[in-house]
Amino acid sequence: YVNSTLCRIGTNNDISIRFCRLPSQFSSPMWNVHQTTLLD
């Protein structure tokens, strides 16, 4: 829900490893009711 997961990006050499962050499965507006609570 919050920070998603990391995925490893392949590189041409074995020395460096790169990562990317996959999008969260559920966006914050879908599960977070903070704003609707403020608006009653």
PDB file of all heavy atoms in Angstrom:
ATOM      1  N   TYR A   1       0.780  -1.232   0.000  1.00  0.00           N
ATOM      2  CA  TYR A   1       0.000   0.000   0.000  1.00  0.00           C
ATOM      3  C   TYR A   1       0.816   1.289   0.000  1.00  0.00           C
ATOM      4  O   TYR A   1       0.358   2.303  -0.502  1.00  0.00           O
ATOM      5  CB  TYR A   1      -0.932   0.025   1.214  1.00  0.00           C
ATOM      6  CG  TYR A   1      -2.005  -1.024   1.164  1.00  0.00           C
ATOM      7  CD1 TYR A   1      -1.847  -2.235   1.826  1.00  0.00           C
ATOM      8  CD2 TYR A   1      -3.164  -0.816   0.448  1.00  0.00           C
ATOM      9  CE1 TYR A   1      -2.830  -3.205   1.776  1.00  0.00           C
ATOM     10  CE2 TYR A   1      -4.149  -1.777   0.389  1.00  0.00           C
ATOM     11  CZ  TYR A   1      -3.981  -2.971   1.059  1.00  0.00           C
ATOM     12  OH  TYR A   1      -4.948  -3.926   1.000  1.00  0.00           O
ATOM     13  N   VAL A   2       2.005   1.298   0.579  1.00  0.00           N
ATOM     14  CA  VAL A   2       2.702   2.568   0.786  1.00  0.00           C
ATOM     15  C   VAL A   2       3.877   2.749  -0.167  1.00  0.00           C
ATOM     16  O   VAL A   2       3.833   3.587  -1.068  1.00  0.00           O
ATOM     17  CB  VAL A   2       3.164   2.714   2.254  1.00  0.00           C
ATOM     18  CG1 VAL A   2       3.858   4.054   2.465  1.00  0.00           C
ATOM     19  CG2 VAL A   2       1.983   2.580   3.198  1.00  0.00           C
ATOM     20  N   ASN A   3       4.925   2.017   0.032  1.00  0.00           N
ATOM     21  CA  ASN A   3       6.153   2.239  -0.729  1.00  0.00           C
ATOM     22  C   ASN A   3       6.391   1.254  -1.860  1.00  0.00           C
ATOM     23  O   ASN A   3       7.377   1.356  -2.560  1.00  0.00           O
ATOM     24  CB  ASN A   3       7.367   2.197   0.212  1.00  0.00           C
ATOM     25  CG  ASN A   3       7.405   3.395   1.115  1.00  0.00           C
ATOM     26  OD1 ASN A   3       7.197   4.508   0.675  1.00  0.00           O
ATOM     27  ND2 ASN A   3       7.632   3.172   2.395  1.00  0.00           N
ATOM     28  N   SER A   4       5.530   0.307  -2.024  1.00  0.00           N
ATOM     29  CA  SER A   4       5.647  -0.731  -3.053  1.00  0.00           C
ATOM     30  C   SER A   4       6.884  -1.602  -2.816  1.00  0.00           C
ATOM     31  O   SER A   4       7.477  -1.585  -1.757  1.00  0.00           O
ATOM     32  CB  SER A   4       5.658  -0.134  -4.459  1.00  0.00           C
ATOM     33  OG  SER A   4       6.851   0.568  -4.723  1.00  0.00           O
ATOM     34  N   THR A   5       7.267  -2.344  -3.815  1.00  0.00           N
ATOM     35  CA  THR A   5       8.401  -3.249  -3.677  1.00  0.00           C
ATOM     36  C   THR A   5       9.517  -2.847  -4.639  1.00  0.00           C
ATOM     37  O   THR A   5       9.297  -2.138  -5.606  1.00  0.00           O
ATOM     38  CB  THR A   5       7.986  -4.699  -3.978  1.00  0.00           C
ATOM     39  OG1 THR A   5       7.399  -4.740  -5.273  1.00  0.00           O
ATOM     40  CG2 THR A   5       6.982  -5.201  -2.967  1.00  0.00           C
ATOM     41  N   LEU A   6      10.698  -3.338  -4.345  1.00  0.00           N
ATOM     42  CA  LEU A   6      11.844  -3.081  -5.211  1.00  0.00           C
ATOM     43  C   LEU A   6      11.988  -4.219  -6.213  1.00  0.00           C
ATOM     44  O   LEU A   6      11.712  -5.368  -5.896  1.00  0.00           O
ATOM     45  CB  LEU A   6      13.127  -2.978  -4.390  1.00  0.00           C
ATOM     46  CG  LEU A   6      13.247  -1.778  -3.467  1.00  0.00           C
ATOM     47  CD1 LEU A   6      14.486  -1.911  -2.602  1.00  0.00           C
ATOM     48  CD2 LEU A   6      13.278  -0.498  -4.251  1.00  0.00           C
ATOM     49  N   CYS A   7      12.422  -3.870  -7.413  1.00  0.00           N
ATOM     50  CA  CYS A   7      12.754  -4.905  -8.385  1.00  0.00           C
ATOM     51  C   CYS A   7      14.196  -4.678  -8.830  1.00  0.00           C
ATOM     52  O   CYS A   7      14.670  -3.561  -8.897  1.00  0.00           O
ATOM     53  CB  CYS A   7      11.804  -4.879  -9.578  1.00  0.00           C
ATOM     54  SG  CYS A   7      11.955  -3.446 -10.626  1.00  0.00           S
ATOM     55  N   ARG A   8      14.867  -5.751  -9.093  1.00  0.00           N
ATOM     56  CA  ARG A   8      16.273  -5.678  -9.506  1.00  0.00           C
ATOM     57  C   ARG A   8      16.329  -5.483 -11.012  1.00  0.00           C
ATOM     58  O   ARG A   8      15.638  -6.158 -11.768  1.00  0.00           O
ATOM     59  CB  ARG A   8      16.990  -6.951  -9.102  1.00  0.00           C
ATOM     60  CG  ARG A   8      18.455  -6.930  -9.412  1.00  0.00           C
ATOM     61  CD  ARG A   8      19.097  -8.205  -8.928  1.00  0.00           C
ATOM     62  NE  ARG A   8      20.477  -8.236  -9.371  1.00  0.00           N
ATOM     63  CZ  ARG A   8      21.352  -9.124  -8.987  1.00  0.00           C
ATOM     64  NH1 ARG A   8      20.993 -10.077  -8.165  1.00  0.00           N
ATOM     65  NH2 ARG A   8      22.584  -9.084  -9.414  1.00  0.00           N
ATOM     66  N   ILE A   9      17.172  -4.563 -11.434  1.00  0.00           N
ATOM     67  CA  ILE A   9      17.375  -4.301 -12.851  1.00  0.00           C
ATOM     68  C   ILE A   9      18.692  -4.947 -13.252  1.00  0.00           C
ATOM     69  O   ILE A   9      19.726  -4.690 -12.625  1.00  0.00           O
ATOM     70  CB  ILE A   9      17.426  -2.790 -13.148  1.00  0.00           C
ATOM     71  CG1 ILE A   9      16.110  -2.127 -12.738  1.00  0.00           C
ATOM     72  CG2 ILE A   9      17.713  -2.540 -14.617  1.00  0.00           C
ATOM     73  CD1 ILE A   9      16.141  -0.629 -12.846  1.00  0.00           C
ATOM     74  N   GLY A  10      18.650  -5.794 -14.237  1.00  0.00           N
ATOM     75  CA  GLY A  10      19.866  -6.462 -14.688  1.00  0.00           C
ATOM     76  C   GLY A  10      20.864  -5.482 -15.269  1.00  0.00           C
ATOM     77  O   GLY A  10      20.514  -4.480 -15.888  1.00  0.00           O
ATOM     78  N   THR A  11      22.127  -5.761 -15.051  1.00  0.00           N
ATOM     79  CA  THR A  11      23.201  -4.935 -15.607  1.00  0.00           C
ATOM     80  C   THR A  11      24.160  -5.828 -16.377  1.00  0.00           C
ATOM     81  O   THR A  11      24.124  -7.046 -16.266  1.00  0.00           O
ATOM     82  CB  THR A  11      23.968  -4.201 -14.487  1.00  0.00           C
ATOM     83  OG1 THR A  11      24.509  -5.173 -13.594  1.00  0.00           O
ATOM     84  CG2 THR A  11      23.063  -3.253 -13.716  1.00  0.00           C
ATOM     85  N   ASN A  12      25.016  -5.200 -17.145  1.00  0.00           N
ATOM     86  CA  ASN A  12      25.959  -5.951 -17.969  1.00  0.00           C
ATOM     87  C   ASN A  12      27.136  -6.509 -17.177  1.00  0.00           C
ATOM     88  O   ASN A  12      27.793  -7.425 -17.625  1.00  0.00           O
ATOM     89  CB  ASN A  12      26.485  -5.069 -19.104  1.00  0.00           C
ATOM     90  CG  ASN A  12      25.380  -4.750 -20.090  1.00  0.00           C
ATOM     91  OD1 ASN A  12      24.386  -5.471 -20.172  1.00  0.00           O
ATOM     92  ND2 ASN A  12      25.544  -3.669 -20.821  1.00  0.00           N
ATOM     93  N   ASN A  13      27.398  -5.954 -16.023  1.00  0.00           N
ATOM     94  CA  ASN A  13      28.502  -6.476 -15.213  1.00  0.00           C
ATOM     95  C   ASN A  13      27.970  -6.928 -13.856  1.00  0.00           C
ATOM     96  O   ASN A  13      26.881  -6.575 -13.444  1.00  0.00           O
ATOM     97  CB  ASN A  13      29.615  -5.433 -15.047  1.00  0.00           C
ATOM     98  CG  ASN A  13      29.107  -4.180 -14.393  1.00  0.00           C
ATOM     99  OD1 ASN A  13      28.232  -4.224 -13.553  1.00  0.00           O
ATOM    100  ND2 ASN A  13      29.653  -3.042 -14.776  1.00  0.00           N
ATOM    101  N   ASP A  14      28.719  -7.732 -13.190  1.00  0.00           N
ATOM    102  CA  ASP A  14      28.279  -8.285 -11.905  1.00  0.00           C
ATOM    103  C   ASP A  14      28.587  -7.379 -10.725  1.00  0.00           C
ATOM    104  O   ASP A  14      28.212  -7.680  -9.600  1.00  0.00           O
ATOM    105  CB  ASP A  14      28.938  -9.649 -11.670  1.00  0.00           C
ATOM    106  CG  ASP A  14      28.463 -10.671 -12.664  1.00  0.00           C
ATOM    107  OD1 ASP A  14      27.323 -10.565 -13.138  1.00  0.00           O
ATOM    108  OD2 ASP A  14      29.250 -11.587 -12.958  1.00  0.00           O
ATOM    109  N   ILE A  15      29.272  -6.271 -10.963  1.00  0.00           N
ATOM    110  CA  ILE A  15      29.702  -5.411  -9.872  1.00  0.00           C
ATOM    111  C   ILE A  15      28.574  -4.480  -9.420  1.00  0.00           C
ATOM    112  O   ILE A  15      28.347  -4.304  -8.239  1.00  0.00           O
ATOM    113  CB  ILE A  15      30.948  -4.589 -10.279  1.00  0.00           C
ATOM    114  CG1 ILE A  15      32.108  -5.545 -10.538  1.00  0.00           C
ATOM    115  CG2 ILE A  15      31.296  -3.572  -9.207  1.00  0.00           C
ATOM    116  CD1 ILE A  15      33.323  -4.885 -11.128  1.00  0.00           C
ATOM    117  N   SER A  16      27.862  -3.906 -10.347  1.00  0.00           N
ATOM    118  CA  SER A  16      26.824  -2.952  -9.969  1.00  0.00           C
ATOM    119  C   SER A  16      25.440  -3.600 -10.044  1.00  0.00           C
ATOM    120  O   SER A  16      25.155  -4.395 -10.925  1.00  0.00           O
ATOM    121  CB  SER A  16      26.874  -1.724 -10.878  1.00  0.00           C
ATOM    122  OG  SER A  16      26.552  -2.088 -12.192  1.00  0.00           O
ATOM    123  N   ILE A  17      24.627  -3.249  -9.091  1.00  0.00           N
ATOM    124  CA  ILE A  17      23.242  -3.710  -9.043  1.00  0.00           C
ATOM    125  C   ILE A  17      22.354  -2.475  -8.975  1.00  0.00           C
ATOM    126  O   ILE A  17      22.602  -1.570  -8.173  1.00  0.00           O
ATOM    127  CB  ILE A  17      22.995  -4.603  -7.809  1.00  0.00           C
ATOM    128  CG1 ILE A  17      23.888  -5.826  -7.851  1.00  0.00           C
ATOM    129  CG2 ILE A  17      21.535  -5.007  -7.737  1.00  0.00           C
ATOM    130  CD1 ILE A  17      23.827  -6.662  -6.592  1.00  0.00           C
ATOM    131  N   ARG A  18      21.333  -2.445  -9.793  1.00  0.00           N
ATOM    132  CA  ARG A  18      20.397  -1.329  -9.786  1.00  0.00           C
ATOM    133  C   ARG A  18      19.017  -1.852  -9.416  1.00  0.00           C
ATOM    134  O   ARG A  18      18.659  -2.979  -9.718  1.00  0.00           O
ATOM    135  CB  ARG A  18      20.350  -0.650 -11.147  1.00  0.00           C
ATOM    136  CG  ARG A  18      21.642   0.016 -11.522  1.00  0.00           C
ATOM    137  CD  ARG A  18      21.582   0.749 -12.836  1.00  0.00           C
ATOM    138  NE  ARG A  18      20.310   0.641 -13.528  1.00  0.00           N
ATOM    139  CZ  ARG A  18      20.153   0.849 -14.826  1.00  0.00           C
ATOM    140  NH1 ARG A  18      21.175   1.158 -15.561  1.00  0.00           N
ATOM    141  NH2 ARG A  18      18.983   0.738 -15.385  1.00  0.00           N
ATOM    142  N   PHE A  19      18.255  -0.990  -8.768  1.00  0.00           N
ATOM    143  CA  PHE A  19      16.897  -1.344  -8.363  1.00  0.00           C
ATOM    144  C   PHE A  19      15.933  -0.283  -8.842  1.00  0.00           C
ATOM    145  O   PHE A  19      16.297   0.879  -9.022  1.00  0.00           O
ATOM    146  CB  PHE A  19      16.791  -1.450  -6.837  1.00  0.00           C
ATOM    147  CG  PHE A  19      17.551  -2.609  -6.263  1.00  0.00           C
ATOM    148  CD1 PHE A  19      18.839  -2.450  -5.799  1.00  0.00           C
ATOM    149  CD2 PHE A  19      16.973  -3.852  -6.186  1.00  0.00           C
ATOM    150  CE1 PHE A  19      19.538  -3.507  -5.263  1.00  0.00           C
ATOM    151  CE2 PHE A  19      17.657  -4.927  -5.649  1.00  0.00           C
ATOM    152  CZ  PHE A  19      18.947  -4.757  -5.191  1.00  0.00           C
ATOM    153  N   CYS A  20      14.718  -0.674  -9.053  1.00  0.00           N
ATOM    154  CA  CYS A  20      13.651   0.281  -9.335  1.00  0.00           C
ATOM    155  C   CYS A  20      12.495  -0.042  -8.399  1.00  0.00           C
ATOM    156  O   CYS A  20      12.405  -1.135  -7.858  1.00  0.00           O
ATOM    157  CB  CYS A  20      13.210   0.212 -10.791  1.00  0.00           C
ATOM    158  SG  CYS A  20      12.323  -1.299 -11.215  1.00  0.00           S
ATOM    159  N   ARG A  21      11.638   0.918  -8.187  1.00  0.00           N
ATOM    160  CA  ARG A  21      10.486   0.703  -7.333  1.00  0.00           C
ATOM    161  C   ARG A  21       9.263   0.499  -8.211  1.00  0.00           C
ATOM    162  O   ARG A  21       8.935   1.313  -9.050  1.00  0.00           O
ATOM    163  CB  ARG A  21      10.276   1.903  -6.424  1.00  0.00           C
ATOM    164  CG  ARG A  21       9.750   1.479  -5.093  1.00  0.00           C
ATOM    165  CD  ARG A  21       9.762   2.571  -4.067  1.00  0.00           C
ATOM    166  NE  ARG A  21      10.831   2.497  -3.103  1.00  0.00           N
ATOM    167  CZ  ARG A  21      10.953   1.573  -2.183  1.00  0.00           C
ATOM    168  NH1 ARG A  21      10.108   0.595  -2.113  1.00  0.00           N
ATOM    169  NH2 ARG A  21      11.935   1.602  -1.335  1.00  0.00           N
ATOM    170  N   LEU A  22       8.585  -0.627  -8.011  1.00  0.00           N
ATOM    171  CA  LEU A  22       7.356  -0.892  -8.734  1.00  0.00           C
ATOM    172  C   LEU A  22       6.233  -0.061  -8.121  1.00  0.00           C
ATOM    173  O   LEU A  22       6.261   0.247  -6.933  1.00  0.00           O
ATOM    174  CB  LEU A  22       6.993  -2.381  -8.629  1.00  0.00           C
ATOM    175  CG  LEU A  22       7.994  -3.345  -9.251  1.00  0.00           C
ATOM    176  CD1 LEU A  22       7.600  -4.778  -8.926  1.00  0.00           C
ATOM    177  CD2 LEU A  22       8.051  -3.157 -10.750  1.00  0.00           C
ATOM    178  N   PRO A  23       5.233   0.308  -8.914  1.00  0.00           N
ATOM    179  CA  PRO A  23       4.123   1.071  -8.340  1.00  0.00           C
ATOM    180  C   PRO A  23       3.364   0.232  -7.309  1.00  0.00           C
ATOM    181  O   PRO A  23       3.302  -0.991  -7.418  1.00  0.00           O
ATOM    182  CB  PRO A  23       3.235   1.393  -9.531  1.00  0.00           C
ATOM    183  CG  PRO A  23       3.808   0.702 -10.705  1.00  0.00           C
ATOM    184  CD  PRO A  23       5.105   0.089 -10.329  1.00  0.00           C
ATOM    185  N   SER A  24       2.797   0.901  -6.323  1.00  0.00           N
ATOM    186  CA  SER A  24       2.003   0.201  -5.324  1.00  0.00           C
ATOM    187  C   SER A  24       0.807  -0.458  -5.996  1.00  0.00           C
ATOM    188  O   SER A  24       0.278   0.046  -6.982  1.00  0.00           O
ATOM    189  CB  SER A  24       1.500   1.181  -4.269  1.00  0.00           C
ATOM    190  OG  SER A  24       2.573   1.756  -3.582  1.00  0.00           O
ATOM    191  N   GLN A  25       0.373  -1.570  -5.441  1.00  0.00           N
ATOM    192  CA  GLN A  25      -0.773  -2.271  -6.019  1.00  0.00           C
ATOM    193  C   GLN A  25      -2.059  -1.480  -5.853  1.00  0.00           C
ATOM    194  O   GLN A  25      -2.950  -1.557  -6.692  1.00  0.00           O
ATOM    195  CB  GLN A  25      -0.925  -3.648  -5.379  1.00  0.00           C
ATOM    196  CG  GLN A  25       0.180  -4.592  -5.762  1.00  0.00           C
ATOM    197  CD  GLN A  25      -0.049  -5.978  -5.184  1.00  0.00           C
ATOM    198  OE1 GLN A  25      -1.152  -6.333  -4.799  1.00  0.00           O
ATOM    199  NE2 GLN A  25       1.002  -6.761  -5.120  1.00  0.00           N
ATOM    200  N   PHE A  26      -2.161  -0.718  -4.765  1.00  0.00           N
ATOM    201  CA  PHE A  26      -3.348   0.083  -4.504  1.00  0.00           C
ATOM    202  C   PHE A  26      -2.909   1.501  -4.191  1.00  0.00           C
ATOM    203  O   PHE A  26      -2.124   1.722  -3.276  1.00  0.00           O
ATOM    204  CB  PHE A  26      -4.140  -0.485  -3.326  1.00  0.00           C
ATOM    205  CG  PHE A  26      -4.540  -1.917  -3.527  1.00  0.00           C
ATOM    206  CD1 PHE A  26      -3.812  -2.936  -2.960  1.00  0.00           C
ATOM    207  CD2 PHE A  26      -5.639  -2.228  -4.303  1.00  0.00           C
ATOM    208  CE1 PHE A  26      -4.177  -4.259  -3.139  1.00  0.00           C
ATOM    209  CE2 PHE A  26      -6.014  -3.544  -4.497  1.00  0.00           C
ATOM    210  CZ  PHE A  26      -5.283  -4.559  -3.922  1.00  0.00           C
ATOM    211  N   SER A  27      -3.418   2.481  -4.928  1.00  0.00           N
ATOM    212  CA  SER A  27      -3.024   3.867  -4.696  1.00  0.00           C
ATOM    213  C   SER A  27      -3.597   4.370  -3.381  1.00  0.00           C
ATOM    214  O   SER A  27      -4.620   3.887  -2.889  1.00  0.00           O
ATOM    215  CB  SER A  27      -3.518   4.743  -5.845  1.00  0.00           C
ATOM    216  OG  SER A  27      -4.936   4.734  -5.894  1.00  0.00           O
ATOM    217  N   SER A  28      -2.952   5.356  -2.804  1.00  0.00           N
ATOM    218  CA  SER A  28      -3.393   5.905  -1.519  1.00  0.00           C
ATOM    219  C   SER A  28      -4.841   6.393  -1.538  1.00  0.00           C
ATOM    220  O   SER A  28      -5.579   6.137  -0.590  1.00  0.00           O
ATOM    221  CB  SER A  28      -2.465   7.036  -1.080  1.00  0.00           C
ATOM    222  OG  SER A  28      -1.185   6.532  -0.821  1.00  0.00           O
ATOM    223  N   PRO A  29      -5.272   7.108  -2.576  1.00  0.00           N
ATOM    224  CA  PRO A  29      -6.677   7.547  -2.569  1.00  0.00           C
ATOM    225  C   PRO A  29      -7.676   6.387  -2.526  1.00  0.00           C
ATOM    226  O   PRO A  29      -8.803   6.555  -2.080  1.00  0.00           O
ATOM    227  CB  PRO A  29      -6.819   8.325  -3.874  1.00  0.00           C
ATOM    228  CG  PRO A  29      -5.444   8.773  -4.206  1.00  0.00           C
ATOM    229  CD  PRO A  29      -4.542   7.672  -3.705  1.00  0.00           C
ATOM    230  N   MET A  30      -7.258   5.215  -2.952  1.00  0.00           N
ATOM    231  CA  MET A  30      -8.173   4.083  -2.946  1.00  0.00           C
ATOM    232  C   MET A  30      -8.430   3.568  -1.529  1.00  0.00           C
ATOM    233  O   MET A  30      -9.534   3.164  -1.196  1.00  0.00           O
ATOM    234  CB  MET A  30      -7.632   2.952  -3.808  1.00  0.00           C
ATOM    235  CG  MET A  30      -8.537   1.736  -3.866  1.00  0.00           C
ATOM    236  SD  MET A  30      -7.875   0.411  -4.852  1.00  0.00           S
ATOM    237  CE  MET A  30      -8.148   1.055  -6.486  1.00  0.00           C
ATOM    238  N   TRP A  31      -7.424   3.604  -0.662  1.00  0.00           N
ATOM    239  CA  TRP A  31      -7.591   3.025   0.667  1.00  0.00           C
ATOM    240  C   TRP A  31      -7.545   4.038   1.797  1.00  0.00           C
ATOM    241  O   TRP A  31      -7.982   3.761   2.905  1.00  0.00           O
ATOM    242  CB  TRP A  31      -6.558   1.932   0.929  1.00  0.00           C
ATOM    243  CG  TRP A  31      -5.124   2.359   0.810  1.00  0.00           C
ATOM    244  CD1 TRP A  31      -4.335   2.239  -0.288  1.00  0.00           C
ATOM    245  CD2 TRP A  31      -4.317   2.976   1.811  1.00  0.00           C
ATOM    246  NE1 TRP A  31      -3.093   2.745  -0.035  1.00  0.00           N
ATOM    247  CE2 TRP A  31      -3.044   3.188   1.250  1.00  0.00           C
ATOM    248  CE3 TRP A  31      -4.526   3.349   3.124  1.00  0.00           C
ATOM    249  CZ2 TRP A  31      -2.009   3.781   1.953  1.00  0.00           C
ATOM    250  CZ3 TRP A  31      -3.486   3.936   3.837  1.00  0.00           C
ATOM    251  CH2 TRP A  31      -2.243   4.140   3.236  1.00  0.00           C
ATOM    252  N   ASN A  32      -7.037   5.234   1.558  1.00  0.00           N
ATOM    253  CA  ASN A  32      -6.883   6.230   2.609  1.00  0.00           C
ATOM    254  C   ASN A  32      -8.159   7.072   2.717  1.00  0.00           C
ATOM    255  O   ASN A  32      -8.593   7.673   1.753  1.00  0.00           O
ATOM    256  CB  ASN A  32      -5.678   7.116   2.296  1.00  0.00           C
ATOM    257  CG  ASN A  32      -5.326   8.020   3.445  1.00  0.00           C
ATOM    258  OD1 ASN A  32      -6.173   8.435   4.205  1.00  0.00           O
ATOM    259  ND2 ASN A  32      -4.043   8.330   3.560  1.00  0.00           N
ATOM    260  N   VAL A  33      -8.750   7.134   3.894  1.00  0.00           N
ATOM    261  CA  VAL A  33      -9.985   7.891   4.090  1.00  0.00           C
ATOM    262  C   VAL A  33      -9.747   9.179   4.887  1.00  0.00           C
ATOM    263  O   VAL A  33     -10.682   9.771   5.409  1.00  0.00           O
ATOM    264  CB  VAL A  33     -11.066   7.021   4.778  1.00  0.00           C
ATOM    265  CG1 VAL A  33     -11.506   5.903   3.875  1.00  0.00           C
ATOM    266  CG2 VAL A  33     -10.591   6.497   6.110  1.00  0.00           C
ATOM    267  N   HIS A  34      -8.494   9.633   4.953  1.00  0.00           N
ATOM    268  CA  HIS A  34      -8.164  10.837   5.726  1.00  0.00           C
ATOM    269  C   HIS A  34      -8.929  12.059   5.212  1.00  0.00           C
ATOM    270  O   HIS A  34      -9.575  12.772   5.986  1.00  0.00           O
ATOM    271  CB  HIS A  34      -6.659  11.094   5.684  1.00  0.00           C
ATOM    272  CG  HIS A  34      -6.252  12.365   6.367  1.00  0.00           C
ATOM    273  ND1 HIS A  34      -6.241  12.494   7.738  1.00  0.00           N
ATOM    274  CD2 HIS A  34      -5.878  13.563   5.863  1.00  0.00           C
ATOM    275  CE1 HIS A  34      -5.854  13.721   8.052  1.00  0.00           C
ATOM    276  NE2 HIS A  34      -5.633  14.379   6.937  1.00  0.00           N
ATOM    277  N   GLN A  35      -8.879  12.313   3.912  1.00  0.00           N
ATOM    278  CA  GLN A  35      -9.525  13.502   3.344  1.00  0.00           C
ATOM    279  C   GLN A  35     -11.038  13.437   3.512  1.00  0.00           C
ATOM    280  O   GLN A  35     -11.677  14.433   3.850  1.00  0.00           O
ATOM    281  CB  GLN A  35      -9.155  13.667   1.863  1.00  0.00           C
ATOM    282  CG  GLN A  35      -9.622  14.975   1.256  1.00  0.00           C
ATOM    283  CD  GLN A  35      -8.982  16.194   1.901  1.00  0.00           C
ATOM    284  OE1 GLN A  35      -7.833  16.172   2.307  1.00  0.00           O
ATOM    285  NE2 GLN A  35      -9.737  17.259   2.030  1.00  0.00           N
ATOM    286  N   THR A  36     -11.631  12.278   3.288  1.00  0.00           N
ATOM    287  CA  THR A  36     -13.086  12.163   3.452  1.00  0.00           C
ATOM    288  C   THR A  36     -13.488  12.358   4.918  1.00  0.00           C
ATOM    289  O   THR A  36     -14.561  12.882   5.197  1.00  0.00           O
ATOM    290  CB  THR A  36     -13.608  10.808   2.944  1.00  0.00           C
ATOM    291  OG1 THR A  36     -12.952   9.750   3.628  1.00  0.00           O
ATOM    292  CG2 THR A  36     -13.389  10.662   1.461  1.00  0.00           C
ATOM    293  N   THR A  37     -12.630  11.968   5.843  1.00  0.00           N
ATOM    294  CA  THR A  37     -12.905  12.194   7.258  1.00  0.00           C
ATOM    295  C   THR A  37     -12.891  13.678   7.568  1.00  0.00           C
ATOM    296  O   THR A  37     -13.764  14.187   8.285  1.00  0.00           O
ATOM    297  CB  THR A  37     -11.876  11.458   8.139  1.00  0.00           C
ATOM    298  OG1 THR A  37     -11.923  10.064   7.821  1.00  0.00           O
ATOM    299  CG2 THR A  37     -12.155  11.665   9.610  1.00  0.00           C
ATOM    300  N   LEU A  38     -11.923  14.404   7.007  1.00  0.00           N
ATOM    301  CA  LEU A  38     -11.864  15.850   7.222  1.00  0.00           C
ATOM    302  C   LEU A  38     -13.088  16.554   6.651  1.00  0.00           C
ATOM    303  O   LEU A  38     -13.545  17.560   7.187  1.00  0.00           O
ATOM    304  CB  LEU A  38     -10.591  16.430   6.592  1.00  0.00           C
ATOM    305  CG  LEU A  38      -9.263  16.007   7.226  1.00  0.00           C
ATOM    306  CD1 LEU A  38      -8.103  16.611   6.442  1.00  0.00           C
ATOM    307  CD2 LEU A  38      -9.202  16.425   8.678  1.00  0.00           C
ATOM    308  N   LEU A  39     -13.622  16.022   5.557  1.00  0.00           N
ATOM    309  CA  LEU A  39     -14.793  16.620   4.910  1.00  0.00           C
ATOM    310  C   LEU A  39     -16.102  16.102   5.502  1.00  0.00           C
ATOM    311  O   LEU A  39     -17.179  16.438   5.017  1.00  0.00           O
ATOM    312  CB  LEU A  39     -14.756  16.337   3.404  1.00  0.00           C
ATOM    313  CG  LEU A  39     -13.564  16.925   2.650  1.00  0.00           C
ATOM    314  CD1 LEU A  39     -13.561  16.449   1.206  1.00  0.00           C
ATOM    315  CD2 LEU A  39     -13.604  18.444   2.711  1.00  0.00           C
ATOM    316  N   ASP A  40     -16.016  15.292   6.552  1.00  0.00           N
ATOM    317  CA  ASP A  40     -17.169  14.681   7.207  1.00  0.00           C
ATOM    318  C   ASP A  40     -18.020  13.883   6.219  1.00  0.00           C
ATOM    319  O   ASP A  40     -19.232  13.878   6.282  1.00  0.00           O
ATOM    320  CB  ASP A  40     -18.014  15.746   7.920  1.00  0.00           C
ATOM    321  CG  ASP A  40     -18.911  15.132   8.982  1.00  0.00           C
ATOM    322  OD1 ASP A  40     -18.537  14.062   9.507  1.00  0.00           O
ATOM    323  OD2 ASP A  40     -19.981  15.695   9.265  1.00  0.00           O
TER     324      ASP A  40
END
